Amino acid sequence: MGYAIVYGECLGCHRMFGFHPHLVPSCSAVTGHREPICQQCVDRVNPMRIAHGLEPIVPHPKAYEPCDESEL
């Protein structure tokens, strides 16, 4: 049994980053499909969310870590 990390483009900044596909914060409002959001964009958007009365995005502690291959 091994571990895997998925790489994809962040919806916010378009940089490639690694993440756990089932735990990473994501948004489907733009494309209609789950699009991952990197930690830097989460950190950037949270103050705006709070200022508008929304809850901050709190990523799962393992959102940006490898996952077990069996989870893919």
N, C-alpha and C. Protein backbone atom coordinates (compact mmCIF):
# COMPACT_ATOMS: atom_id res chain seq x y z
N MET A 1 0.86 -1.16 0.00
CA MET A 1 0.00 0.00 0.00
C MET A 1 0.91 1.23 0.00
N GLY A 2 0.53 2.25 -0.77
CA GLY A 2 1.33 3.46 -0.85
C GLY A 2 0.48 4.69 -0.67
N TYR A 3 1.15 5.80 -0.85
CA TYR A 3 0.49 7.08 -0.71
C TYR A 3 0.56 7.85 -2.02
N ALA A 4 -0.41 8.70 -2.23
CA ALA A 4 -0.47 9.49 -3.46
C ALA A 4 -0.90 10.91 -3.11
N ILE A 5 -0.42 11.83 -3.91
CA ILE A 5 -0.87 13.21 -3.77
C ILE A 5 -1.34 13.65 -5.15
N VAL A 6 -2.46 14.31 -5.17
CA VAL A 6 -3.03 14.80 -6.43
C VAL A 6 -2.52 16.21 -6.64
N TYR A 7 -2.17 16.54 -7.87
CA TYR A 7 -1.76 17.90 -8.21
C TYR A 7 -2.80 18.49 -9.13
N GLY A 8 -3.10 19.75 -8.90
CA GLY A 8 -4.06 20.43 -9.74
C GLY A 8 -3.87 21.93 -9.66
N GLU A 9 -4.63 22.63 -10.46
CA GLU A 9 -4.54 24.09 -10.53
C GLU A 9 -5.53 24.71 -9.55
N CYS A 10 -5.06 25.67 -8.78
CA CYS A 10 -5.92 26.38 -7.83
C CYS A 10 -6.92 27.24 -8.60
N LEU A 11 -8.15 27.20 -8.17
CA LEU A 11 -9.20 28.01 -8.78
C LEU A 11 -8.91 29.50 -8.65
N GLY A 12 -8.30 29.90 -7.53
CA GLY A 12 -8.07 31.32 -7.27
C GLY A 12 -6.87 31.91 -7.97
N CYS A 13 -5.70 31.27 -7.82
CA CYS A 13 -4.45 31.85 -8.33
C CYS A 13 -3.87 31.12 -9.54
N HIS A 14 -4.43 29.98 -9.87
CA HIS A 14 -4.02 29.18 -11.04
C HIS A 14 -2.65 28.53 -10.90
N ARG A 15 -2.10 28.53 -9.67
CA ARG A 15 -0.84 27.82 -9.44
C ARG A 15 -1.12 26.35 -9.22
N MET A 16 -0.17 25.50 -9.61
CA MET A 16 -0.28 24.07 -9.36
C MET A 16 0.11 23.81 -7.90
N PHE A 17 -0.62 22.90 -7.25
CA PHE A 17 -0.30 22.52 -5.88
C PHE A 17 -0.78 21.12 -5.61
N GLY A 18 -0.24 20.50 -4.57
CA GLY A 18 -0.62 19.14 -4.21
C GLY A 18 -1.66 19.15 -3.11
N PHE A 19 -2.56 18.15 -3.15
CA PHE A 19 -3.64 18.10 -2.18
C PHE A 19 -4.25 16.72 -2.07
N HIS A 20 -5.00 16.51 -1.01
CA HIS A 20 -5.80 15.31 -0.81
C HIS A 20 -7.13 15.57 -1.53
N PRO A 21 -7.50 14.79 -2.53
CA PRO A 21 -8.66 15.10 -3.36
C PRO A 21 -10.01 15.12 -2.64
N HIS A 22 -10.11 14.44 -1.52
CA HIS A 22 -11.39 14.39 -0.81
C HIS A 22 -11.48 15.39 0.34
N LEU A 23 -10.36 16.02 0.68
CA LEU A 23 -10.34 16.91 1.84
C LEU A 23 -10.03 18.36 1.52
N VAL A 24 -9.51 18.63 0.33
CA VAL A 24 -9.11 19.99 -0.03
C VAL A 24 -10.35 20.90 -0.15
N PRO A 25 -10.24 22.15 0.31
CA PRO A 25 -11.35 23.09 0.06
C PRO A 25 -11.54 23.26 -1.44
N SER A 26 -12.78 23.39 -1.85
CA SER A 26 -13.05 23.51 -3.27
C SER A 26 -14.29 24.37 -3.50
N CYS A 27 -14.48 24.73 -4.76
CA CYS A 27 -15.64 25.53 -5.15
C CYS A 27 -16.13 25.03 -6.49
N SER A 28 -17.43 24.94 -6.65
CA SER A 28 -18.00 24.51 -7.93
C SER A 28 -18.81 25.62 -8.59
N ALA A 29 -18.85 26.80 -7.99
CA ALA A 29 -19.69 27.89 -8.52
C ALA A 29 -19.22 28.41 -9.87
N VAL A 30 -17.93 28.32 -10.15
CA VAL A 30 -17.39 28.90 -11.39
C VAL A 30 -17.56 27.96 -12.57
N THR A 31 -17.18 26.70 -12.42
CA THR A 31 -17.17 25.76 -13.54
C THR A 31 -18.26 24.70 -13.48
N GLY A 32 -18.90 24.57 -12.33
CA GLY A 32 -19.87 23.50 -12.16
C GLY A 32 -19.24 22.20 -11.68
N HIS A 33 -17.91 22.16 -11.58
CA HIS A 33 -17.17 21.01 -11.08
C HIS A 33 -16.35 21.46 -9.88
N ARG A 34 -16.08 20.52 -8.96
CA ARG A 34 -15.23 20.86 -7.81
C ARG A 34 -13.86 21.29 -8.28
N GLU A 35 -13.47 22.49 -7.93
CA GLU A 35 -12.15 23.02 -8.26
C GLU A 35 -11.41 23.29 -6.96
N PRO A 36 -10.18 22.77 -6.82
CA PRO A 36 -9.44 22.92 -5.56
C PRO A 36 -8.97 24.35 -5.32
N ILE A 37 -8.81 24.68 -4.03
CA ILE A 37 -8.33 26.00 -3.63
C ILE A 37 -7.12 25.80 -2.73
N CYS A 38 -6.01 26.47 -3.06
CA CYS A 38 -4.77 26.32 -2.29
C CYS A 38 -4.85 27.06 -0.96
N GLN A 39 -3.92 26.73 -0.06
CA GLN A 39 -3.90 27.33 1.27
C GLN A 39 -3.68 28.84 1.19
N GLN A 40 -2.84 29.31 0.27
CA GLN A 40 -2.58 30.74 0.15
C GLN A 40 -3.85 31.50 -0.23
N CYS A 41 -4.66 30.94 -1.10
CA CYS A 41 -5.91 31.60 -1.49
C CYS A 41 -6.94 31.54 -0.37
N VAL A 42 -6.95 30.45 0.38
CA VAL A 42 -7.83 30.37 1.55
C VAL A 42 -7.45 31.48 2.53
N ASP A 43 -6.14 31.63 2.77
CA ASP A 43 -5.68 32.68 3.69
C ASP A 43 -6.02 34.07 3.17
N ARG A 44 -5.98 34.26 1.86
CA ARG A 44 -6.27 35.56 1.27
C ARG A 44 -7.76 35.89 1.32
N VAL A 45 -8.62 34.90 1.13
CA VAL A 45 -10.06 35.17 1.03
C VAL A 45 -10.76 35.19 2.40
N ASN A 46 -10.20 34.53 3.39
CA ASN A 46 -10.88 34.46 4.69
C ASN A 46 -11.17 35.82 5.32
N PRO A 47 -10.25 36.79 5.30
CA PRO A 47 -10.61 38.10 5.88
C PRO A 47 -11.80 38.76 5.17
N MET A 48 -11.91 38.56 3.86
CA MET A 48 -13.05 39.12 3.11
C MET A 48 -14.34 38.40 3.49
N ARG A 49 -14.27 37.08 3.66
CA ARG A 49 -15.46 36.31 4.06
C ARG A 49 -15.95 36.79 5.43
N ILE A 50 -15.02 36.92 6.36
CA ILE A 50 -15.38 37.35 7.71
C ILE A 50 -15.98 38.76 7.68
N ALA A 51 -15.39 39.65 6.88
CA ALA A 51 -15.88 41.03 6.79
C ALA A 51 -17.30 41.09 6.23
N HIS A 52 -17.68 40.08 5.45
CA HIS A 52 -19.03 40.03 4.87
C HIS A 52 -19.98 39.13 5.67
N GLY A 53 -19.56 38.76 6.89
CA GLY A 53 -20.42 37.97 7.76
C GLY A 53 -20.46 36.49 7.46
N LEU A 54 -19.53 36.00 6.63
CA LEU A 54 -19.48 34.57 6.30
C LEU A 54 -18.48 33.86 7.20
N GLU A 55 -18.67 32.58 7.35
CA GLU A 55 -17.72 31.77 8.12
C GLU A 55 -16.42 31.64 7.32
N PRO A 56 -15.29 31.65 8.00
CA PRO A 56 -14.03 31.43 7.27
C PRO A 56 -13.93 29.99 6.79
N ILE A 57 -13.16 29.79 5.75
CA ILE A 57 -12.87 28.44 5.27
C ILE A 57 -11.82 27.86 6.20
N VAL A 58 -12.10 26.70 6.76
CA VAL A 58 -11.15 26.03 7.65
C VAL A 58 -10.81 24.68 7.01
N PRO A 59 -9.66 24.62 6.33
CA PRO A 59 -9.30 23.35 5.68
C PRO A 59 -9.09 22.22 6.68
N HIS A 60 -9.39 21.03 6.25
CA HIS A 60 -9.10 19.83 7.04
C HIS A 60 -7.59 19.81 7.29
N PRO A 61 -7.14 19.35 8.46
CA PRO A 61 -5.71 19.33 8.75
C PRO A 61 -4.86 18.55 7.73
N LYS A 62 -5.48 17.60 7.03
CA LYS A 62 -4.73 16.81 6.05
C LYS A 62 -5.09 17.17 4.61
N ALA A 63 -5.69 18.32 4.41
CA ALA A 63 -6.15 18.72 3.07
C ALA A 63 -5.03 18.85 2.05
N TYR A 64 -3.84 19.18 2.50
CA TYR A 64 -2.72 19.40 1.58
C TYR A 64 -1.63 18.35 1.75
N GLU A 65 -2.03 17.18 2.23
CA GLU A 65 -1.10 16.07 2.44
C GLU A 65 -1.48 14.89 1.53
N PRO A 66 -0.56 13.95 1.34
CA PRO A 66 -0.87 12.76 0.53
C PRO A 66 -2.00 11.95 1.16
N CYS A 67 -2.65 11.15 0.32
CA CYS A 67 -3.68 10.25 0.81
C CYS A 67 -3.28 8.81 0.51
N ASP A 68 -3.92 7.90 1.16
CA ASP A 68 -3.68 6.49 0.89
C ASP A 68 -4.18 6.19 -0.52
N GLU A 69 -3.43 5.42 -1.28
CA GLU A 69 -3.81 5.09 -2.66
C GLU A 69 -5.21 4.49 -2.75
N SER A 70 -5.62 3.77 -1.72
CA SER A 70 -6.93 3.12 -1.75
C SER A 70 -8.07 4.14 -1.74
N GLU A 71 -7.78 5.39 -1.36
CA GLU A 71 -8.82 6.43 -1.31
C GLU A 71 -9.08 7.06 -2.66
N LEU A 72 -8.23 6.80 -3.64
CA LEU A 72 -8.40 7.42 -4.97
C LEU A 72 -9.41 6.71 -5.82
